[in-house]
C-alpha atoms as a PDB file:
ATOM      1  CA  MET A   1    -192.274 140.110   3.727  1.00  0.00           C
ATOM      2  CA  SER A   2    -190.222 136.937   4.324  1.00  0.00           C
ATOM      3  CA  GLY A   3    -193.357 135.116   5.465  1.00  0.00           C
ATOM      4  CA  ASP A   4    -195.505 136.285   2.538  1.00  0.00           C
ATOM      5  CA  ARG A   5    -195.846 133.421   0.083  1.00  0.00           C
ATOM      6  CA  SER A   6    -198.066 135.380  -2.318  1.00  0.00           C
ATOM      7  CA  ALA A   7    -195.402 137.702  -3.746  1.00  0.00           C
ATOM      8  CA  LEU A   8    -191.694 138.346  -3.999  1.00  0.00           C
ATOM      9  CA  GLN A   9    -190.065 141.646  -3.121  1.00  0.00           C
ATOM     10  CA  VAL A  10    -188.381 142.826  -6.321  1.00  0.00           C
ATOM     11  CA  VAL A  11    -186.427 145.883  -7.386  1.00  0.00           C
ATOM     12  CA  GLU A  12    -188.312 148.140  -9.774  1.00  0.00           C
ATOM     13  CA  GLY A  13    -186.005 150.966 -10.685  1.00  0.00           C
ATOM     14  CA  LYS A  14    -185.361 153.117  -7.633  1.00  0.00           C
ATOM     15  CA  SER A  15    -187.984 151.433  -5.480  1.00  0.00           C
ATOM     16  CA  LEU A  16    -189.222 148.027  -4.354  1.00  0.00           C
ATOM     17  CA  GLY A  17    -192.267 146.329  -5.778  1.00  0.00           C
ATOM     18  CA  ARG A  18    -193.998 142.963  -5.636  1.00  0.00           C
ATOM     19  CA  LEU A  19    -194.051 140.109  -8.134  1.00  0.00           C
ATOM     20  CA  ALA A  20    -196.877 137.636  -7.667  1.00  0.00           C
ATOM     21  CA  VAL A  21    -195.812 134.034  -7.231  1.00  0.00           C
ATOM     22  CA  ASP A  22    -198.127 132.962 -10.055  1.00  0.00           C
ATOM     23  CA  ASP A  23    -196.540 135.518 -12.369  1.00  0.00           C
ATOM     24  CA  LEU A  24    -193.087 134.237 -11.503  1.00  0.00           C
ATOM     25  CA  ALA A  25    -194.191 130.642 -12.102  1.00  0.00           C
ATOM     26  CA  ALA A  26    -195.503 131.608 -15.536  1.00  0.00           C
ATOM     27  CA  ARG A  27    -192.217 133.264 -16.428  1.00  0.00           C
ATOM     28  CA  VAL A  28    -190.266 130.232 -15.240  1.00  0.00           C
ATOM     29  CA  ALA A  29    -192.438 127.921 -17.319  1.00  0.00           C
ATOM     30  CA  ALA A  30    -192.022 130.067 -20.434  1.00  0.00           C
ATOM     31  CA  ALA A  31    -188.224 130.373 -20.177  1.00  0.00           C
ATOM     32  CA  ALA A  32    -185.802 128.113 -22.010  1.00  0.00           C
ATOM     33  CA  ARG A  33    -183.843 127.950 -18.759  1.00  0.00           C
ATOM     34  CA  VAL A  34    -183.554 129.782 -15.443  1.00  0.00           C
ATOM     35  CA  VAL A  35    -180.305 131.077 -13.946  1.00  0.00           C
ATOM     36  CA  VAL A  36    -180.192 132.422 -10.382  1.00  0.00           C
ATOM     37  CA  ASP A  37    -177.265 134.731  -9.603  1.00  0.00           C
ATOM     38  CA  VAL A  38    -176.865 134.779  -5.824  1.00  0.00           C
ATOM     39  CA  GLY A  39    -175.272 137.811  -4.173  1.00  0.00           C
ATOM     40  CA  THR A  40    -175.745 139.616  -7.459  1.00  0.00           C
ATOM     41  CA  GLY A  41    -174.465 142.954  -6.087  1.00  0.00           C
ATOM     42  CA  ASP A  42    -174.966 145.668  -8.683  1.00  0.00           C
ATOM     43  CA  ALA A  43    -176.549 142.989 -10.925  1.00  0.00           C
ATOM     44  CA  ARG A  44    -174.542 144.002 -13.978  1.00  0.00           C
ATOM     45  CA  ALA A  45    -173.340 140.440 -14.594  1.00  0.00           C
ATOM     46  CA  ALA A  46    -176.936 139.215 -14.368  1.00  0.00           C
ATOM     47  CA  TRP A  47    -178.036 141.974 -16.743  1.00  0.00           C
ATOM     48  CA  ARG A  48    -175.321 141.065 -19.263  1.00  0.00           C
ATOM     49  CA  LEU A  49    -176.403 137.427 -19.190  1.00  0.00           C
ATOM     50  CA  ALA A  50    -180.047 138.392 -19.651  1.00  0.00           C
ATOM     51  CA  ARG A  51    -179.124 140.557 -22.617  1.00  0.00           C
ATOM     52  CA  ALA A  52    -177.005 137.801 -24.174  1.00  0.00           C
ATOM     53  CA  GLU A  53    -179.669 135.100 -23.641  1.00  0.00           C
ATOM     54  CA  PRO A  54    -183.122 136.622 -24.116  1.00  0.00           C
ATOM     55  CA  ASP A  55    -184.800 133.211 -23.781  1.00  0.00           C
ATOM     56  CA  THR A  56    -183.223 132.693 -20.337  1.00  0.00           C
ATOM     57  CA  LEU A  57    -184.936 133.993 -17.213  1.00  0.00           C
ATOM     58  CA  VAL A  58    -182.172 135.505 -15.070  1.00  0.00           C
ATOM     59  CA  ILE A  59    -182.957 136.053 -11.393  1.00  0.00           C
ATOM     60  CA  GLY A  60    -180.574 138.177  -9.356  1.00  0.00           C
ATOM     61  CA  LEU A  61    -180.760 137.674  -5.586  1.00  0.00           C
ATOM     62  CA  ASP A  62    -179.290 140.101  -3.052  1.00  0.00           C
ATOM     63  CA  PRO A  63    -180.395 141.552   0.303  1.00  0.00           C
ATOM     64  CA  ALA A  64    -178.933 145.013  -0.491  1.00  0.00           C
ATOM     65  CA  TRP A  65    -181.533 146.123  -3.005  1.00  0.00           C
ATOM     66  CA  GLN A  66    -180.198 149.679  -3.414  1.00  0.00           C
ATOM     67  CA  ARG A  67    -177.103 148.309  -5.155  1.00  0.00           C
ATOM     68  CA  MET A  68    -179.353 146.772  -7.807  1.00  0.00           C
ATOM     69  CA  ALA A  69    -181.355 149.955  -8.439  1.00  0.00           C
ATOM     70  CA  ASP A  70    -179.358 151.326 -11.383  1.00  0.00           C
ATOM     71  CA  THR A  71    -179.397 147.997 -13.205  1.00  0.00           C
ATOM     72  CA  ALA A  72    -183.093 147.576 -12.457  1.00  0.00           C
ATOM     73  CA  THR A  73    -183.752 150.970 -14.028  1.00  0.00           C
ATOM     74  CA  ARG A  74    -181.734 150.053 -17.108  1.00  0.00           C
ATOM     75  CA  SER A  75    -183.413 146.670 -17.472  1.00  0.00           C
ATOM     76  CA  ARG A  76    -186.867 148.287 -17.656  1.00  0.00           C
ATOM     77  CA  ARG A  77    -185.994 150.223 -20.808  1.00  0.00           C
ATOM     78  CA  LYS A  78    -186.853 149.007 -24.264  1.00  0.00           C
ATOM     79  CA  PRO A  79    -184.507 146.188 -25.386  1.00  0.00           C
ATOM     80  CA  ALA A  80    -183.015 148.425 -28.084  1.00  0.00           C
ATOM     81  CA  LYS A  81    -181.912 150.809 -25.332  1.00  0.00           C
ATOM     82  CA  GLY A  82    -180.433 148.213 -22.993  1.00  0.00           C
ATOM     83  CA  GLY A  83    -183.581 146.766 -21.495  1.00  0.00           C
ATOM     84  CA  ALA A  84    -183.756 143.172 -20.315  1.00  0.00           C
ATOM     85  CA  PRO A  85    -187.359 142.103 -19.656  1.00  0.00           C
ATOM     86  CA  ASN A  86    -186.086 138.627 -18.750  1.00  0.00           C
ATOM     87  CA  LEU A  87    -184.221 139.932 -15.688  1.00  0.00           C
ATOM     88  CA  VAL A  88    -185.836 139.772 -12.238  1.00  0.00           C
ATOM     89  CA  LEU A  89    -184.017 141.260  -9.234  1.00  0.00           C
ATOM     90  CA  VAL A  90    -185.174 139.864  -5.898  1.00  0.00           C
ATOM     91  CA  ASN A  91    -184.473 141.550  -2.576  1.00  0.00           C
ATOM     92  CA  ALA A  92    -183.500 138.621  -0.343  1.00  0.00           C
ATOM     93  CA  ALA A  93    -180.562 136.742   1.125  1.00  0.00           C
ATOM     94  CA  VAL A  94    -180.033 133.173  -0.002  1.00  0.00           C
ATOM     95  CA  GLU A  95    -180.480 131.924   3.554  1.00  0.00           C
ATOM     96  CA  ALA A  96    -184.034 133.299   3.499  1.00  0.00           C
ATOM     97  CA  ALA A  97    -184.920 133.140  -0.187  1.00  0.00           C
ATOM     98  CA  PRO A  98    -188.655 133.194  -0.920  1.00  0.00           C
ATOM     99  CA  PRO A  99    -190.200 129.699  -1.139  1.00  0.00           C
ATOM    100  CA  ALA A 100    -191.367 130.578  -4.662  1.00  0.00           C
ATOM    101  CA  LEU A 101    -187.739 130.226  -5.785  1.00  0.00           C
ATOM    102  CA  ASP A 102    -187.410 126.660  -4.513  1.00  0.00           C
ATOM    103  CA  GLY A 103    -186.191 124.405  -7.320  1.00  0.00           C
ATOM    104  CA  VAL A 104    -186.503 126.969 -10.130  1.00  0.00           C
ATOM    105  CA  ALA A 105    -182.830 127.195 -11.144  1.00  0.00           C
ATOM    106  CA  ASP A 106    -181.333 125.278 -14.037  1.00  0.00           C
ATOM    107  CA  ALA A 107    -178.034 126.876 -12.992  1.00  0.00           C
ATOM    108  CA  VAL A 108    -176.830 128.841  -9.962  1.00  0.00           C
ATOM    109  CA  THR A 109    -173.950 131.321  -9.870  1.00  0.00           C
ATOM    110  CA  VAL A 110    -172.175 133.047  -6.989  1.00  0.00           C
ATOM    111  CA  LEU A 111    -169.787 135.640  -8.412  1.00  0.00           C
ATOM    112  CA  MET A 112    -167.373 137.515  -6.156  1.00  0.00           C
ATOM    113  CA  PRO A 113    -169.346 136.986  -2.921  1.00  0.00           C
ATOM    114  CA  TRP A 114    -168.829 139.119   0.184  1.00  0.00           C
ATOM    115  CA  GLY A 115    -169.982 139.213   3.770  1.00  0.00           C
ATOM    116  CA  GLY A 116    -172.034 136.316   5.077  1.00  0.00           C
ATOM    117  CA  LEU A 117    -172.336 134.805   1.613  1.00  0.00           C
ATOM    118  CA  LEU A 118    -168.545 134.647   1.263  1.00  0.00           C
ATOM    119  CA  TRP A 119    -168.151 133.084   4.695  1.00  0.00           C
ATOM    120  CA  GLY A 120    -170.889 130.590   3.869  1.00  0.00           C
ATOM    121  CA  VAL A 121    -169.351 129.328   0.633  1.00  0.00           C
ATOM    122  CA  VAL A 122    -165.767 129.291   1.969  1.00  0.00           C
ATOM    123  CA  THR A 123    -166.681 127.325   5.084  1.00  0.00           C
ATOM    124  CA  ALA A 124    -169.538 125.361   3.485  1.00  0.00           C
ATOM    125  CA  GLY A 125    -171.948 126.805   6.025  1.00  0.00           C
ATOM    126  CA  PRO A 126    -175.213 124.842   6.008  1.00  0.00           C
ATOM    127  CA  ASP A 127    -177.439 127.936   5.883  1.00  0.00           C
ATOM    128  CA  VAL A 128    -175.757 129.310   2.766  1.00  0.00           C
ATOM    129  CA  CYS A 129    -175.002 126.034   0.973  1.00  0.00           C
ATOM    130  CA  GLY A 130    -178.403 124.657   1.891  1.00  0.00           C
ATOM    131  CA  GLY A 131    -180.019 127.856   0.631  1.00  0.00           C
ATOM    132  CA  LEU A 132    -178.174 127.535  -2.668  1.00  0.00           C
ATOM    133  CA  ARG A 133    -179.320 123.928  -2.979  1.00  0.00           C
ATOM    134  CA  ARG A 134    -182.915 124.874  -2.303  1.00  0.00           C
ATOM    135  CA  LEU A 135    -182.878 127.107  -5.392  1.00  0.00           C
ATOM    136  CA  ALA A 136    -181.607 124.381  -7.726  1.00  0.00           C
ATOM    137  CA  ARG A 137    -183.266 121.659  -9.710  1.00  0.00           C
ATOM    138  CA  PRO A 138    -181.638 118.215  -9.335  1.00  0.00           C
ATOM    139  CA  GLY A 139    -178.489 118.098 -11.431  1.00  0.00           C
ATOM    140  CA  ALA A 140    -178.267 121.879 -11.800  1.00  0.00           C
ATOM    141  CA  PRO A 141    -174.696 123.204 -11.980  1.00  0.00           C
ATOM    142  CA  LEU A 142    -173.319 125.680  -9.460  1.00  0.00           C
ATOM    143  CA  GLU A 143    -170.409 128.008 -10.216  1.00  0.00           C
ATOM    144  CA  VAL A 144    -168.735 129.952  -7.419  1.00  0.00           C
ATOM    145  CA  VAL A 145    -166.067 132.528  -8.273  1.00  0.00           C
ATOM    146  CA  ILE A 146    -163.919 134.139  -5.567  1.00  0.00           C
ATOM    147  CA  GLY A 147    -161.110 136.671  -5.980  1.00  0.00           C
ATOM    148  CA  THR A 148    -158.124 135.208  -4.158  1.00  0.00           C
ATOM    149  CA  SER A 149    -156.688 138.640  -3.356  1.00  0.00           C
ATOM    150  CA  ILE A 150    -158.989 138.790  -0.330  1.00  0.00           C
ATOM    151  CA  TRP A 151    -156.486 136.530   1.431  1.00  0.00           C
ATOM    152  CA  ARG A 152    -153.484 138.722   0.568  1.00  0.00           C
ATOM    153  CA  PRO A 153    -152.272 141.643   2.714  1.00  0.00           C
ATOM    154  CA  PRO A 154    -153.812 143.941   3.619  1.00  0.00           C
ATOM    155  CA  VAL A 155    -156.637 141.576   4.581  1.00  0.00           C
ATOM    156  CA  PRO A 156    -159.905 143.375   5.449  1.00  0.00           C
ATOM    157  CA  VAL A 157    -160.653 143.270   9.170  1.00  0.00           C
ATOM    158  CA  GLU A 158    -163.926 141.423   8.624  1.00  0.00           C
ATOM    159  CA  LEU A 159    -162.064 138.654   6.791  1.00  0.00           C
ATOM    160  CA  ALA A 160    -159.131 138.316   9.167  1.00  0.00           C
ATOM    161  CA  ASN A 161    -160.267 134.885  10.387  1.00  0.00           C
ATOM    162  CA  LEU A 162    -161.635 133.594   7.096  1.00  0.00           C
ATOM    163  CA  PRO A 163    -159.797 130.371   6.170  1.00  0.00           C
ATOM    164  CA  GLU A 164    -158.290 130.397   2.698  1.00  0.00           C
ATOM    165  CA  LEU A 165    -160.185 128.288   0.218  1.00  0.00           C
ATOM    166  CA  THR A 166    -157.974 126.355  -2.207  1.00  0.00           C
ATOM    167  CA  PRO A 167    -158.562 123.618  -4.773  1.00  0.00           C
ATOM    168  CA  ALA A 168    -156.825 121.174  -2.433  1.00  0.00           C
ATOM    169  CA  ALA A 169    -159.283 121.981   0.344  1.00  0.00           C
ATOM    170  CA  LEU A 170    -162.137 120.857  -1.906  1.00  0.00           C
ATOM    171  CA  ALA A 171    -160.501 117.602  -3.003  1.00  0.00           C
ATOM    172  CA  PRO A 172    -162.735 114.507  -3.004  1.00  0.00           C
ATOM    173  CA  GLY A 173    -162.826 112.805   0.355  1.00  0.00           C
ATOM    174  CA  GLY A 174    -161.891 115.939   2.246  1.00  0.00           C
ATOM    175  CA  GLU A 175    -163.883 117.491   5.069  1.00  0.00           C
ATOM    176  CA  LEU A 176    -164.962 120.535   3.062  1.00  0.00           C
ATOM    177  CA  ALA A 177    -166.163 118.477   0.109  1.00  0.00           C
ATOM    178  CA  ALA A 178    -168.089 116.341   2.586  1.00  0.00           C
ATOM    179  CA  ARG A 179    -169.763 119.429   4.015  1.00  0.00           C
ATOM    180  CA  TRP A 180    -170.787 120.542   0.544  1.00  0.00           C
ATOM    181  CA  ALA A 181    -172.139 117.040  -0.067  1.00  0.00           C
ATOM    182  CA  ALA A 182    -174.140 117.190   3.161  1.00  0.00           C
ATOM    183  CA  ALA A 183    -175.805 120.342   1.814  1.00  0.00           C
ATOM    184  CA  GLY A 184    -176.697 118.590  -1.448  1.00  0.00           C
ATOM    185  CA  TRP A 185    -173.799 119.580  -3.700  1.00  0.00           C
ATOM    186  CA  ALA A 186    -171.216 117.326  -5.342  1.00  0.00           C
ATOM    187  CA  VAL A 187    -168.032 119.272  -6.055  1.00  0.00           C
ATOM    188  CA  ASP A 188    -166.861 118.570  -9.616  1.00  0.00           C
ATOM    189  CA  GLU A 189    -163.769 120.740  -9.818  1.00  0.00           C
ATOM    190  CA  ALA A 190    -161.921 123.649  -8.271  1.00  0.00           C
ATOM    191  CA  ALA A 191    -159.227 125.602 -10.064  1.00  0.00           C
ATOM    192  CA  VAL A 192    -157.454 128.962 -10.061  1.00  0.00           C
ATOM    193  CA  THR A 193    -157.512 131.137 -13.175  1.00  0.00           C
ATOM    194  CA  THR A 194    -157.377 134.890 -13.898  1.00  0.00           C
ATOM    195  CA  SER A 195    -160.003 137.452 -14.817  1.00  0.00           C
ATOM    196  CA  VAL A 196    -158.455 137.944 -18.254  1.00  0.00           C
ATOM    197  CA  ASP A 197    -158.569 134.261 -19.187  1.00  0.00           C
ATOM    198  CA  ASP A 198    -161.074 133.196 -21.821  1.00  0.00           C
ATOM    199  CA  GLY A 199    -164.293 132.181 -20.145  1.00  0.00           C
ATOM    200  CA  ALA A 200    -163.629 134.019 -16.891  1.00  0.00           C
ATOM    201  CA  PRO A 201    -166.745 135.592 -15.379  1.00  0.00           C
ATOM    202  CA  ALA A 202    -167.713 139.059 -16.549  1.00  0.00           C
ATOM    203  CA  THR A 203    -168.492 140.577 -13.160  1.00  0.00           C
ATOM    204  CA  SER A 204    -168.036 144.306 -12.714  1.00  0.00           C
ATOM    205  CA  TRP A 205    -165.224 143.750 -10.211  1.00  0.00           C
ATOM    206  CA  ALA A 206    -163.376 141.267 -12.414  1.00  0.00           C
ATOM    207  CA  ARG A 207    -163.617 143.599 -15.387  1.00  0.00           C
ATOM    208  CA  ARG A 208    -162.200 146.532 -13.445  1.00  0.00           C
ATOM    209  CA  LEU A 209    -159.335 144.437 -12.124  1.00  0.00           C
ATOM    210  CA  GLY A 210    -158.706 142.914 -15.529  1.00  0.00           C
ATOM    211  CA  SER A 211    -158.286 146.344 -17.054  1.00  0.00           C
ATOM    212  CA  THR A 212    -155.135 146.924 -14.984  1.00  0.00           C
ATOM    213  CA  ALA A 213    -153.774 143.607 -13.774  1.00  0.00           C
ATOM    214  CA  PRO A 214    -155.124 140.055 -13.774  1.00  0.00           C
ATOM    215  CA  GLU A 215    -156.926 138.965 -10.623  1.00  0.00           C
ATOM    216  CA  SER A 216    -156.455 135.361  -9.574  1.00  0.00           C
ATOM    217  CA  LEU A 217    -159.857 133.740  -9.337  1.00  0.00           C
ATOM    218  CA  LEU A 218    -160.819 130.533  -7.598  1.00  0.00           C
ATOM    219  CA  ILE A 219    -163.588 128.861  -9.567  1.00  0.00           C
ATOM    220  CA  VAL A 220    -165.545 126.067  -7.919  1.00  0.00           C
ATOM    221  CA  ARG A 221    -167.998 124.001  -9.934  1.00  0.00           C
ATOM    222  CA  ALA A 222    -170.475 121.586  -8.419  1.00  0.00           C
ATOM    223  CA  HIS A 223    -173.863 120.067  -9.222  1.00  0.00           C
ATOM    224  CA  ALA A 224    -177.010 119.537  -7.194  1.00  0.00           C
ATOM    225  CA  VAL A 225    -177.648 115.987  -6.023  1.00  0.00           C
END
């Protein structure tokens, strides 16, 4: 499917379907703006955004399509019952996103990434950061949100060698900021906040953590150049 330029593999309830590239292009053209949520996971944050902004086309991107199935089922209901016809859930990793998504995003989000996506944004890996840039229109903002508890004991085995990302590491003139710039992103700011602060992202994980104790979140904002 990765080489098929005629359709995207999308989640349709409990199964996968196909969305024609022309149909996607028509939806992009009709939308007030397009937001691509990369590593969307269970896609609940993408669904909430689609519900809050019915004129926005929200595209959730994740290679683990089964995690998106419940949200996909909900989004296909009537709007009065929780449906979100402006939500599209694409089965793909950002490193191999369908060419039809090139340059469609007015904004890109990466909320609580894991696995290869997490490693890619923390280390400014060219495959991940370049893939994010390929999605974005020039000037489009990028917001990356990472829970800092992943660097606190007990650290998961798969993250044992992951360098800690801090605001200082992304300071202008630093090596990491330069690597982001090489991938087409200018880092605007990096700061630590908590999941219960006003304006913090409404991901499922952040909400669960916020219900018991605040989670420190590293928020990185950049724009496509």
